[in-house]
C-alpha cells in the first residue's frame, strides 16, 4: 500500500538525503523501514533505528489511520 508521507508532520524529504526519499525529520530513517520492521517491537525499533518511542508510535498512528481511511474509501 502506498502512503503519502508528505502529509505526516514527522516526515521530510530532503534532496540528496536518501535519494530524496521521505525520512523521519532530522534522520536518514525512512518511515517505511519502521513499518516493515514493526513486528520486531517498539524497543527493538528504538534501539536499532535511534528514533524516540513517541516518534515511532506517531508514525504508526499516521500509517494506521491512512491505511484505514483508504480501506473505508474503497469499500
Protein backbone atom coordinates (compact mmCIF):
# COMPACT_ATOMS: atom_id res chain seq x y z
CA UNK A 1 0.00 0.00 0.00
CA UNK A 2 1.32 3.43 -0.94
CA UNK A 3 1.30 6.03 1.81
CA UNK A 4 1.76 9.71 1.03
CA UNK A 5 4.18 10.54 3.80
CA UNK A 6 4.18 14.24 2.82
CA UNK A 7 1.01 14.54 4.90
CA UNK A 8 2.87 13.47 8.08
CA UNK A 9 4.48 16.32 10.00
CA UNK A 10 7.18 13.96 11.33
CA UNK A 11 8.44 13.22 7.84
CA UNK A 12 10.50 15.34 5.47
CA UNK A 13 12.01 14.95 2.03
CA UNK A 14 15.47 16.43 1.60
CA UNK A 15 17.08 16.43 -1.84
CA UNK A 16 20.28 14.39 -1.70
CA UNK A 17 19.34 12.70 1.58
CA UNK A 18 18.49 9.01 0.99
CA UNK A 19 17.96 9.79 -2.70
CA UNK A 20 15.17 12.23 -1.82
CA UNK A 21 13.04 9.54 -0.16
CA UNK A 22 10.76 10.56 2.73
CA UNK A 23 12.60 10.26 6.06
CA UNK A 24 11.85 10.91 9.72
CA UNK A 25 12.76 14.58 10.33
CA UNK A 26 16.42 15.06 11.14
CA UNK A 27 17.36 11.45 10.33
CA UNK A 28 18.07 9.18 7.39
CA UNK A 29 15.43 6.66 8.55
CA UNK A 30 12.60 6.06 6.11
CA UNK A 31 9.16 5.65 7.72
CA UNK A 32 8.68 2.54 5.56
CA UNK A 33 11.64 0.97 7.37
CA UNK A 34 9.79 1.36 10.67
CA UNK A 35 6.57 -0.05 9.21
CA UNK A 36 8.30 -3.04 7.59
CA UNK A 37 10.04 -3.88 10.87
CA UNK A 38 7.04 -3.16 13.11
CA UNK A 39 6.72 -6.78 14.20
CA UNK A 40 10.15 -6.52 15.88
CA UNK A 41 8.53 -4.41 18.59
CA UNK A 42 8.94 -0.88 19.86
CA UNK A 43 12.07 -1.46 21.99
CA UNK A 44 13.87 -3.06 19.03
CA UNK A 45 12.91 -0.21 16.70
CA UNK A 46 14.05 2.44 19.18
CA UNK A 47 17.36 0.68 19.76
CA UNK A 48 18.13 -0.18 16.13
CA UNK A 49 16.92 2.99 14.43
CA UNK A 50 17.67 5.50 17.19
CA UNK A 51 14.22 7.05 16.91
CA UNK A 52 12.36 8.08 20.10
CA UNK A 53 9.49 5.76 21.06
CA UNK A 54 6.93 8.57 20.84
CA UNK A 55 8.02 9.31 17.26
CA UNK A 56 7.73 5.65 16.29
CA UNK A 57 4.25 5.48 17.84
CA UNK A 58 3.20 8.65 16.00
CA UNK A 59 4.45 7.26 12.67
CA UNK A 60 2.45 4.07 13.28
CA UNK A 61 -0.63 6.10 14.22
CA UNK A 62 -0.34 8.05 10.97
CA UNK A 63 0.20 4.85 8.97
CA UNK A 64 -2.73 3.03 10.62
CA UNK A 65 -5.07 5.99 10.13
CA UNK A 66 -4.05 6.38 6.50
CA UNK A 67 -4.48 2.66 5.88
CA UNK A 68 -7.94 2.53 7.50
CA UNK A 69 -9.08 5.70 5.71
CA UNK A 70 -8.09 4.19 2.37
CA UNK A 71 -9.90 0.95 3.18
CA UNK A 72 -13.02 2.90 4.11
CA UNK A 73 -12.94 4.90 0.87
CA UNK A 74 -12.52 1.80 -1.29
CA UNK A 75 -15.47 -0.01 0.35
